[in-house]
């Protein structure tokens, strides 16, 4: 079952987020990590917020444990600061229709 994940990273910067994304090999506007159905990030008052839809909670937990947390720690950000999970009833993706 798809799961929504909101991570509020307090005391982190968008520059640190960008560095982690670059180290993972992802490009702005490009494809996300495997098992991610949707991803976006925005600044908040004291850091930044990441909102994703993942294929499953287990897929997110594995990615966070093996990739996300270690890389954020390398750039000096303690993750997760606050994490919230949501059940996803439906989602729409940005794929383009072909005829």
PDB file of N, CA and C in Angstrom:
ATOM      1  N   UNK A   1       0.839  -1.176   0.000  1.00  0.00           N
ATOM      2  CA  UNK A   1       0.000   0.000   0.000  1.00  0.00           C
ATOM      3  C   UNK A   1       0.882   1.237   0.000  1.00  0.00           C
ATOM      4  N   UNK A   2       0.530   2.217  -0.838  1.00  0.00           N
ATOM      5  CA  UNK A   2       1.293   3.456  -0.901  1.00  0.00           C
ATOM      6  C   UNK A   2       1.191   4.206   0.418  1.00  0.00           C
ATOM      7  N   UNK A   3       2.279   4.898   0.752  1.00  0.00           N
ATOM      8  CA  UNK A   3       2.328   5.658   1.997  1.00  0.00           C
ATOM      9  C   UNK A   3       2.899   7.041   1.711  1.00  0.00           C
ATOM     10  N   UNK A   4       2.269   8.064   2.298  1.00  0.00           N
ATOM     11  CA  UNK A   4       2.804   9.410   2.233  1.00  0.00           C
ATOM     12  C   UNK A   4       3.768   9.607   3.386  1.00  0.00           C
ATOM     13  N   UNK A   5       4.857  10.313   3.116  1.00  0.00           N
ATOM     14  CA  UNK A   5       5.872  10.565   4.139  1.00  0.00           C
ATOM     15  C   UNK A   5       6.195  12.052   4.116  1.00  0.00           C
ATOM     16  N   UNK A   6       6.064  12.701   5.268  1.00  0.00           N
ATOM     17  CA  UNK A   6       6.459  14.100   5.404  1.00  0.00           C
ATOM     18  C   UNK A   6       7.583  14.169   6.415  1.00  0.00           C
ATOM     19  N   UNK A   7       8.708  14.737   5.993  1.00  0.00           N
ATOM     20  CA  UNK A   7       9.860  14.879   6.870  1.00  0.00           C
ATOM     21  C   UNK A   7      10.157  16.370   7.015  1.00  0.00           C
ATOM     22  N   UNK A   8      10.048  16.873   8.232  1.00  0.00           N
ATOM     23  CA  UNK A   8      10.440  18.248   8.522  1.00  0.00           C
ATOM     24  C   UNK A   8      11.841  18.211   9.110  1.00  0.00           C
ATOM     25  N   UNK A   9      12.773  18.736   8.354  1.00  0.00           N
ATOM     26  CA  UNK A   9      14.181  18.740   8.773  1.00  0.00           C
ATOM     27  C   UNK A   9      14.480  20.108   9.366  1.00  0.00           C
ATOM     28  N   UNK A  10      14.524  20.160  10.687  1.00  0.00           N
ATOM     29  CA  UNK A  10      14.798  21.433  11.357  1.00  0.00           C
ATOM     30  C   UNK A  10      16.313  21.633  11.442  1.00  0.00           C
ATOM     31  N   UNK A  11      16.703  22.868  11.292  1.00  0.00           N
ATOM     32  CA  UNK A  11      18.112  23.262  11.335  1.00  0.00           C
ATOM     33  C   UNK A  11      18.909  22.728  10.154  1.00  0.00           C
ATOM     34  N   UNK A  12      18.229  22.290   9.105  1.00  0.00           N
ATOM     35  CA  UNK A  12      18.894  21.911   7.864  1.00  0.00           C
ATOM     36  C   UNK A  12      18.641  22.986   6.827  1.00  0.00           C
ATOM     37  N   UNK A  13      19.465  23.019   5.792  1.00  0.00           N
ATOM     38  CA  UNK A  13      19.299  24.021   4.738  1.00  0.00           C
ATOM     39  C   UNK A  13      18.995  23.349   3.408  1.00  0.00           C
ATOM     40  N   UNK A  14      18.422  24.118   2.503  1.00  0.00           N
ATOM     41  CA  UNK A  14      18.188  23.587   1.160  1.00  0.00           C
ATOM     42  C   UNK A  14      19.504  23.286   0.448  1.00  0.00           C
ATOM     43  N   UNK A  15      20.559  24.019   0.775  1.00  0.00           N
ATOM     44  CA  UNK A  15      21.874  23.721   0.193  1.00  0.00           C
ATOM     45  C   UNK A  15      22.344  22.328   0.628  1.00  0.00           C
ATOM     46  N   UNK A  16      22.115  21.973   1.883  1.00  0.00           N
ATOM     47  CA  UNK A  16      22.466  20.630   2.358  1.00  0.00           C
ATOM     48  C   UNK A  16      21.599  19.576   1.681  1.00  0.00           C
ATOM     49  N   UNK A  17      20.305  19.853   1.545  1.00  0.00           N
ATOM     50  CA  UNK A  17      19.410  18.942   0.820  1.00  0.00           C
ATOM     51  C   UNK A  17      19.936  18.731  -0.599  1.00  0.00           C
ATOM     52  N   UNK A  18      20.254  19.842  -1.309  1.00  0.00           N
ATOM     53  CA  UNK A  18      20.749  19.746  -2.680  1.00  0.00           C
ATOM     54  C   UNK A  18      22.023  18.910  -2.762  1.00  0.00           C
ATOM     55  N   UNK A  19      22.901  19.064  -1.782  1.00  0.00           N
ATOM     56  CA  UNK A  19      24.143  18.291  -1.773  1.00  0.00           C
ATOM     57  C   UNK A  19      23.861  16.795  -1.629  1.00  0.00           C
ATOM     58  N   UNK A  20      22.930  16.451  -0.761  1.00  0.00           N
ATOM     59  CA  UNK A  20      22.575  15.033  -0.576  1.00  0.00           C
ATOM     60  C   UNK A  20      21.966  14.470  -1.851  1.00  0.00           C
ATOM     61  N   UNK A  21      21.057  15.216  -2.466  1.00  0.00           N
ATOM     62  CA  UNK A  21      20.422  14.753  -3.705  1.00  0.00           C
ATOM     63  C   UNK A  21      21.486  14.539  -4.786  1.00  0.00           C
ATOM     64  N   UNK A  22      22.433  15.457  -4.876  1.00  0.00           N
ATOM     65  CA  UNK A  22      23.512  15.325  -5.857  1.00  0.00           C
ATOM     66  C   UNK A  22      24.371  14.093  -5.571  1.00  0.00           C
ATOM     67  N   UNK A  23      24.702  13.863  -4.307  1.00  0.00           N
ATOM     68  CA  UNK A  23      25.498  12.690  -3.938  1.00  0.00           C
ATOM     69  C   UNK A  23      24.773  11.384  -4.269  1.00  0.00           C
ATOM     70  N   UNK A  24      23.433  11.418  -4.219  1.00  0.00           N
ATOM     71  CA  UNK A  24      22.641  10.235  -4.576  1.00  0.00           C
ATOM     72  C   UNK A  24      22.570  10.043  -6.089  1.00  0.00           C
ATOM     73  N   UNK A  25      22.942  11.078  -6.841  1.00  0.00           N
ATOM     74  CA  UNK A  25      22.936  10.970  -8.292  1.00  0.00           C
ATOM     75  C   UNK A  25      21.625  11.362  -8.952  1.00  0.00           C
ATOM     76  N   UNK A  26      20.765  12.092  -8.225  1.00  0.00           N
ATOM     77  CA  UNK A  26      19.482  12.505  -8.793  1.00  0.00           C
ATOM     78  C   UNK A  26      19.590  13.925  -9.327  1.00  0.00           C
ATOM     79  N   UNK A  27      18.826  14.215 -10.373  1.00  0.00           N
ATOM     80  CA  UNK A  27      18.852  15.523 -11.005  1.00  0.00           C
ATOM     81  C   UNK A  27      17.534  16.252 -10.769  1.00  0.00           C
ATOM     82  N   UNK A  28      17.565  17.587 -10.639  1.00  0.00           N
ATOM     83  CA  UNK A  28      16.314  18.335 -10.486  1.00  0.00           C
ATOM     84  C   UNK A  28      15.373  18.031 -11.657  1.00  0.00           C
ATOM     85  N   UNK A  29      14.136  17.718 -11.343  1.00  0.00           N
ATOM     86  CA  UNK A  29      13.154  17.395 -12.374  1.00  0.00           C
ATOM     87  C   UNK A  29      13.295  15.996 -12.940  1.00  0.00           C
ATOM     88  N   UNK A  30      14.277  15.242 -12.440  1.00  0.00           N
ATOM     89  CA  UNK A  30      14.518  13.900 -12.952  1.00  0.00           C
ATOM     90  C   UNK A  30      13.740  12.843 -12.193  1.00  0.00           C
ATOM     91  N   UNK A  31      14.088  11.612 -12.457  1.00  0.00           N
ATOM     92  CA  UNK A  31      13.432  10.499 -11.792  1.00  0.00           C
ATOM     93  C   UNK A  31      13.855  10.415 -10.328  1.00  0.00           C
ATOM     94  N   UNK A  32      12.925  10.039  -9.453  1.00  0.00           N
ATOM     95  CA  UNK A  32      13.264   9.895  -8.040  1.00  0.00           C
ATOM     96  C   UNK A  32      13.894   8.532  -7.759  1.00  0.00           C
ATOM     97  N   UNK A  33      14.131   8.261  -6.495  1.00  0.00           N
ATOM     98  CA  UNK A  33      14.669   6.970  -6.065  1.00  0.00           C
ATOM     99  C   UNK A  33      13.700   5.851  -6.432  1.00  0.00           C
ATOM    100  N   UNK A  34      14.207   4.631  -6.588  1.00  0.00           N
ATOM    101  CA  UNK A  34      13.307   3.507  -6.819  1.00  0.00           C
ATOM    102  C   UNK A  34      12.266   3.436  -5.696  1.00  0.00           C
ATOM    103  N   UNK A  35      11.056   3.063  -6.036  1.00  0.00           N
ATOM    104  CA  UNK A  35       9.932   2.923  -5.108  1.00  0.00           C
ATOM    105  C   UNK A  35       9.310   4.246  -4.681  1.00  0.00           C
ATOM    106  N   UNK A  36       9.829   5.380  -5.170  1.00  0.00           N
ATOM    107  CA  UNK A  36       9.214   6.676  -4.886  1.00  0.00           C
ATOM    108  C   UNK A  36       8.254   6.991  -6.031  1.00  0.00           C
ATOM    109  N   UNK A  37       7.022   7.288  -5.674  1.00  0.00           N
ATOM    110  CA  UNK A  37       6.020   7.618  -6.673  1.00  0.00           C
ATOM    111  C   UNK A  37       5.935   9.117  -6.912  1.00  0.00           C
ATOM    112  N   UNK A  38       6.325   9.908  -5.907  1.00  0.00           N
ATOM    113  CA  UNK A  38       6.247  11.364  -6.005  1.00  0.00           C
ATOM    114  C   UNK A  38       7.152  11.962  -4.935  1.00  0.00           C
ATOM    115  N   UNK A  39       7.833  13.081  -5.252  1.00  0.00           N
ATOM    116  CA  UNK A  39       8.756  13.719  -4.306  1.00  0.00           C
ATOM    117  C   UNK A  39       8.764  15.217  -4.547  1.00  0.00           C
ATOM    118  N   UNK A  40       8.744  16.000  -3.459  1.00  0.00           N
ATOM    119  CA  UNK A  40       8.978  17.439  -3.558  1.00  0.00           C
ATOM    120  C   UNK A  40       9.530  17.956  -2.242  1.00  0.00           C
ATOM    121  N   UNK A  41      10.134  19.139  -2.297  1.00  0.00           N
ATOM    122  CA  UNK A  41      10.743  19.748  -1.106  1.00  0.00           C
ATOM    123  C   UNK A  41      10.460  21.240  -1.118  1.00  0.00           C
ATOM    124  N   UNK A  42      10.335  21.824   0.084  1.00  0.00           N
ATOM    125  CA  UNK A  42      10.080  23.259   0.215  1.00  0.00           C
ATOM    126  C   UNK A  42      10.745  23.775   1.485  1.00  0.00           C
ATOM    127  N   UNK A  43      11.133  25.051   1.494  1.00  0.00           N
ATOM    128  CA  UNK A  43      11.656  25.610   2.741  1.00  0.00           C
ATOM    129  C   UNK A  43      10.527  25.789   3.751  1.00  0.00           C
ATOM    130  N   UNK A  44      10.870  25.643   5.025  1.00  0.00           N
ATOM    131  CA  UNK A  44       9.970  25.989   6.120  1.00  0.00           C
ATOM    132  C   UNK A  44      10.730  26.945   7.028  1.00  0.00           C
ATOM    133  N   UNK A  45      10.052  27.474   8.024  1.00  0.00           N
ATOM    134  CA  UNK A  45      10.629  28.531   8.848  1.00  0.00           C
ATOM    135  C   UNK A  45      12.004  28.184   9.418  1.00  0.00           C
ATOM    136  N   UNK A  46      12.188  26.967   9.884  1.00  0.00           N
ATOM    137  CA  UNK A  46      13.450  26.611  10.545  1.00  0.00           C
ATOM    138  C   UNK A  46      14.198  25.481   9.852  1.00  0.00           C
ATOM    139  N   UNK A  47      13.967  25.293   8.559  1.00  0.00           N
ATOM    140  CA  UNK A  47      14.647  24.224   7.837  1.00  0.00           C
ATOM    141  C   UNK A  47      13.978  23.947   6.505  1.00  0.00           C
ATOM    142  N   UNK A  48      13.672  22.669   6.240  1.00  0.00           N
ATOM    143  CA  UNK A  48      12.986  22.324   5.002  1.00  0.00           C
ATOM    144  C   UNK A  48      12.092  21.112   5.223  1.00  0.00           C
ATOM    145  N   UNK A  49      11.111  20.964   4.338  1.00  0.00           N
ATOM    146  CA  UNK A  49      10.141  19.870   4.398  1.00  0.00           C
ATOM    147  C   UNK A  49      10.225  19.061   3.114  1.00  0.00           C
ATOM    148  N   UNK A  50      10.310  17.743   3.274  1.00  0.00           N
ATOM    149  CA  UNK A  50      10.273  16.804   2.158  1.00  0.00           C
ATOM    150  C   UNK A  50       8.947  16.063   2.242  1.00  0.00           C
ATOM    151  N   UNK A  51       8.243  15.963   1.109  1.00  0.00           N
ATOM    152  CA  UNK A  51       6.999  15.211   1.045  1.00  0.00           C
ATOM    153  C   UNK A  51       7.125  14.206  -0.095  1.00  0.00           C
ATOM    154  N   UNK A  52       6.913  12.939   0.241  1.00  0.00           N
ATOM    155  CA  UNK A  52       7.015  11.858  -0.740  1.00  0.00           C
ATOM    156  C   UNK A  52       5.775  10.983  -0.684  1.00  0.00           C
ATOM    157  N   UNK A  53       5.556  10.257  -1.770  1.00  0.00           N
ATOM    158  CA  UNK A  53       4.655   9.103  -1.763  1.00  0.00           C
ATOM    159  C   UNK A  53       5.522   7.918  -2.182  1.00  0.00           C
ATOM    160  N   UNK A  54       5.550   6.907  -1.323  1.00  0.00           N
ATOM    161  CA  UNK A  54       6.348   5.698  -1.542  1.00  0.00           C
ATOM    162  C   UNK A  54       5.433   4.512  -1.805  1.00  0.00           C
ATOM    163  N   UNK A  55       5.948   3.513  -2.496  1.00  0.00           N
ATOM    164  CA  UNK A  55       5.166   2.305  -2.758  1.00  0.00           C
ATOM    165  C   UNK A  55       4.771   1.604  -1.466  1.00  0.00           C
ATOM    166  N   UNK A  56       5.630   1.708  -0.428  1.00  0.00           N
ATOM    167  CA  UNK A  56       5.329   1.072   0.856  1.00  0.00           C
ATOM    168  C   UNK A  56       6.162   1.729   1.953  1.00  0.00           C
ATOM    169  N   UNK A  57       5.722   1.555   3.167  1.00  0.00           N
ATOM    170  CA  UNK A  57       6.476   2.062   4.326  1.00  0.00           C
ATOM    171  C   UNK A  57       7.813   1.337   4.424  1.00  0.00           C
ATOM    172  N   UNK A  58       7.818   0.046   4.142  1.00  0.00           N
ATOM    173  CA  UNK A  58       9.057  -0.739   4.210  1.00  0.00           C
ATOM    174  C   UNK A  58      10.091  -0.210   3.216  1.00  0.00           C
ATOM    175  N   UNK A  59       9.655   0.165   2.008  1.00  0.00           N
ATOM    176  CA  UNK A  59      10.586   0.701   1.010  1.00  0.00           C
ATOM    177  C   UNK A  59      11.202   2.009   1.495  1.00  0.00           C
ATOM    178  N   UNK A  60      10.368   2.878   2.078  1.00  0.00           N
ATOM    179  CA  UNK A  60      10.902   4.136   2.614  1.00  0.00           C
ATOM    180  C   UNK A  60      11.877   3.871   3.750  1.00  0.00           C
ATOM    181  N   UNK A  61      11.475   3.015   4.699  1.00  0.00           N
ATOM    182  CA  UNK A  61      12.330   2.747   5.859  1.00  0.00           C
ATOM    183  C   UNK A  61      13.696   2.221   5.439  1.00  0.00           C
ATOM    184  N   UNK A  62      13.719   1.330   4.451  1.00  0.00           N
ATOM    185  CA  UNK A  62      14.998   0.785   3.976  1.00  0.00           C
ATOM    186  C   UNK A  62      15.844   1.884   3.332  1.00  0.00           C
ATOM    187  N   UNK A  63      15.228   2.701   2.476  1.00  0.00           N
ATOM    188  CA  UNK A  63      15.954   3.795   1.824  1.00  0.00           C
ATOM    189  C   UNK A  63      16.503   4.770   2.858  1.00  0.00           C
ATOM    190  N   UNK A  64      15.663   5.129   3.839  1.00  0.00           N
ATOM    191  CA  UNK A  64      16.091   6.070   4.874  1.00  0.00           C
ATOM    192  C   UNK A  64      17.283   5.519   5.643  1.00  0.00           C
ATOM    193  N   UNK A  65      17.189   4.271   6.044  1.00  0.00           N
ATOM    194  CA  UNK A  65      18.234   3.644   6.853  1.00  0.00           C
ATOM    195  C   UNK A  65      19.545   3.490   6.072  1.00  0.00           C
ATOM    196  N   UNK A  66      19.449   3.054   4.811  1.00  0.00           N
ATOM    197  CA  UNK A  66      20.650   2.718   4.043  1.00  0.00           C
ATOM    198  C   UNK A  66      21.259   3.898   3.286  1.00  0.00           C
ATOM    199  N   UNK A  67      20.451   4.870   2.875  1.00  0.00           N
ATOM    200  CA  UNK A  67      20.964   5.958   2.046  1.00  0.00           C
ATOM    201  C   UNK A  67      20.758   7.340   2.644  1.00  0.00           C
ATOM    202  N   UNK A  68      19.502   7.672   2.939  1.00  0.00           N
ATOM    203  CA  UNK A  68      19.163   9.044   3.294  1.00  0.00           C
ATOM    204  C   UNK A  68      19.838   9.506   4.583  1.00  0.00           C
ATOM    205  N   UNK A  69      19.625   8.784   5.660  1.00  0.00           N
ATOM    206  CA  UNK A  69      20.165   9.213   6.955  1.00  0.00           C
ATOM    207  C   UNK A  69      21.690   9.298   6.924  1.00  0.00           C
ATOM    208  N   UNK A  70      22.407   8.282   6.423  1.00  0.00           N
ATOM    209  CA  UNK A  70      23.874   8.406   6.402  1.00  0.00           C
ATOM    210  C   UNK A  70      24.376   9.610   5.611  1.00  0.00           C
ATOM    211  N   UNK A  71      23.758   9.896   4.461  1.00  0.00           N
ATOM    212  CA  UNK A  71      24.220  11.032   3.665  1.00  0.00           C
ATOM    213  C   UNK A  71      23.904  12.363   4.335  1.00  0.00           C
ATOM    214  N   UNK A  72      22.726  12.487   4.919  1.00  0.00           N
ATOM    215  CA  UNK A  72      22.423  13.726   5.629  1.00  0.00           C
ATOM    216  C   UNK A  72      23.369  13.920   6.807  1.00  0.00           C
ATOM    217  N   UNK A  73      23.697  12.851   7.517  1.00  0.00           N
ATOM    218  CA  UNK A  73      24.647  12.975   8.624  1.00  0.00           C
ATOM    219  C   UNK A  73      26.015  13.410   8.122  1.00  0.00           C
ATOM    220  N   UNK A  74      26.420  12.939   6.937  1.00  0.00           N
ATOM    221  CA  UNK A  74      27.712  13.344   6.364  1.00  0.00           C
ATOM    222  C   UNK A  74      27.773  14.841   6.099  1.00  0.00           C
ATOM    223  N   UNK A  75      26.638  15.459   5.748  1.00  0.00           N
ATOM    224  CA  UNK A  75      26.643  16.900   5.468  1.00  0.00           C
ATOM    225  C   UNK A  75      26.238  17.726   6.691  1.00  0.00           C
ATOM    226  N   UNK A  76      26.111  17.067   7.850  1.00  0.00           N
ATOM    227  CA  UNK A  76      25.881  17.772   9.096  1.00  0.00           C
ATOM    228  C   UNK A  76      24.430  17.991   9.494  1.00  0.00           C
ATOM    229  N   UNK A  77      23.517  17.179   8.939  1.00  0.00           N
ATOM    230  CA  UNK A  77      22.097  17.310   9.271  1.00  0.00           C
ATOM    231  C   UNK A  77      21.639  16.062  10.004  1.00  0.00           C
ATOM    232  N   UNK A  78      20.989  16.276  11.149  1.00  0.00           N
ATOM    233  CA  UNK A  78      20.434  15.152  11.903  1.00  0.00           C
ATOM    234  C   UNK A  78      19.029  14.857  11.374  1.00  0.00           C
ATOM    235  N   UNK A  79      18.830  13.649  10.866  1.00  0.00           N
ATOM    236  CA  UNK A  79      17.554  13.251  10.273  1.00  0.00           C
ATOM    237  C   UNK A  79      17.089  11.977  10.930  1.00  0.00           C
ATOM    238  N   UNK A  80      15.817  11.741  11.099  1.00  0.00           N
ATOM    239  CA  UNK A  80      14.768  12.722  10.818  1.00  0.00           C
ATOM    240  C   UNK A  80      14.529  13.612  12.014  1.00  0.00           C
ATOM    241  N   UNK A  81      14.145  14.829  11.746  1.00  0.00           N
ATOM    242  CA  UNK A  81      13.761  15.733  12.819  1.00  0.00           C
ATOM    243  C   UNK A  81      12.336  15.421  13.243  1.00  0.00           C
ATOM    244  N   UNK A  82      11.411  15.509  12.306  1.00  0.00           N
ATOM    245  CA  UNK A  82      10.026  15.121  12.532  1.00  0.00           C
ATOM    246  C   UNK A  82       9.568  14.359  11.306  1.00  0.00           C
ATOM    247  N   UNK A  83       8.957  13.211  11.506  1.00  0.00           N
ATOM    248  CA  UNK A  83       8.487  12.416  10.379  1.00  0.00           C
ATOM    249  C   UNK A  83       7.041  12.012  10.632  1.00  0.00           C
ATOM    250  N   UNK A  84       6.219  12.179   9.609  1.00  0.00           N
ATOM    251  CA  UNK A  84       4.801  11.841   9.685  1.00  0.00           C
ATOM    252  C   UNK A  84       4.458  10.941   8.514  1.00  0.00           C
ATOM    253  N   UNK A  85       3.689   9.901   8.780  1.00  0.00           N
ATOM    254  CA  UNK A  85       3.249   8.971   7.735  1.00  0.00           C
ATOM    255  C   UNK A  85       1.754   9.148   7.506  1.00  0.00           C
ATOM    256  N   UNK A  86       1.335   8.998   6.256  1.00  0.00           N
ATOM    257  CA  UNK A  86      -0.059   9.119   5.879  1.00  0.00           C
ATOM    258  C   UNK A  86      -0.461   7.929   5.015  1.00  0.00           C
ATOM    259  N   UNK A  87      -1.660   7.411   5.221  1.00  0.00           N
ATOM    260  CA  UNK A  87      -2.197   6.433   4.288  1.00  0.00           C
ATOM    261  C   UNK A  87      -2.580   7.180   3.018  1.00  0.00           C
ATOM    262  N   UNK A  88      -2.276   6.608   1.872  1.00  0.00           N
ATOM    263  CA  UNK A  88      -2.586   7.247   0.597  1.00  0.00           C
ATOM    264  C   UNK A  88      -3.750   6.501  -0.049  1.00  0.00           C
ATOM    265  N   UNK A  89      -4.836   7.202  -0.241  1.00  0.00           N
ATOM    266  CA  UNK A  89      -6.008   6.623  -0.890  1.00  0.00           C
ATOM    267  C   UNK A  89      -5.816   6.590  -2.404  1.00  0.00           C
ATOM    268  N   UNK A  90      -5.254   7.666  -2.959  1.00  0.00           N
ATOM    269  CA  UNK A  90      -5.047   7.771  -4.402  1.00  0.00           C
ATOM    270  C   UNK A  90      -3.934   8.771  -4.646  1.00  0.00           C
ATOM    271  N   UNK A  91      -3.253   8.652  -5.755  1.00  0.00           N
ATOM    272  CA  UNK A  91      -2.266   9.639  -6.164  1.00  0.00           C
ATOM    273  C   UNK A  91      -2.270   9.731  -7.681  1.00  0.00           C
ATOM    274  N   UNK A  92      -1.894  10.867  -8.193  1.00  0.00           N
ATOM    275  CA  UNK A  92      -1.766  11.080  -9.628  1.00  0.00           C
ATOM    276  C   UNK A  92      -0.314  11.415  -9.900  1.00  0.00           C
ATOM    277  N   UNK A  93       0.239  10.877 -10.953  1.00  0.00           N
ATOM    278  CA  UNK A  93       1.650  11.136 -11.263  1.00  0.00           C
ATOM    279  C   UNK A  93       1.754  12.117 -12.425  1.00  0.00           C
ATOM    280  N   UNK A  94       2.947  12.583 -12.660  1.00  0.00           N
ATOM    281  CA  UNK A  94       3.178  13.580 -13.709  1.00  0.00           C
ATOM    282  C   UNK A  94       3.528  12.977 -15.050  1.00  0.00           C
ATOM    283  N   UNK A  95       3.282  11.692 -15.250  1.00  0.00           N
ATOM    284  CA  UNK A  95       3.604  11.064 -16.529  1.00  0.00           C
ATOM    285  C   UNK A  95       2.808  11.682 -17.665  1.00  0.00           C
ATOM    286  N   UNK A  96       3.363  11.628 -18.845  1.00  0.00           N
ATOM    287  CA  UNK A  96       2.694  12.179 -20.017  1.00  0.00           C
ATOM    288  C   UNK A  96       1.988  11.073 -20.769  1.00  0.00           C
ATOM    289  N   UNK A  97       0.811  11.395 -21.261  1.00  0.00           N
ATOM    290  CA  UNK A  97       0.049  10.428 -22.041  1.00  0.00           C
ATOM    291  C   UNK A  97       0.627  10.335 -23.446  1.00  0.00           C
ATOM    292  N   UNK A  98       0.654   9.145 -23.985  1.00  0.00           N
ATOM    293  CA  UNK A  98       1.080   8.936 -25.375  1.00  0.00           C
ATOM    294  C   UNK A  98      -0.051   8.263 -26.127  1.00  0.00           C
ATOM    295  N   UNK A  99      -0.214   8.642 -27.360  1.00  0.00           N
ATOM    296  CA  UNK A  99      -1.253   8.006 -28.192  1.00  0.00           C
ATOM    297  C   UNK A  99      -0.617   7.178 -29.256  1.00  0.00           C
TER     298      UNK A  99
END
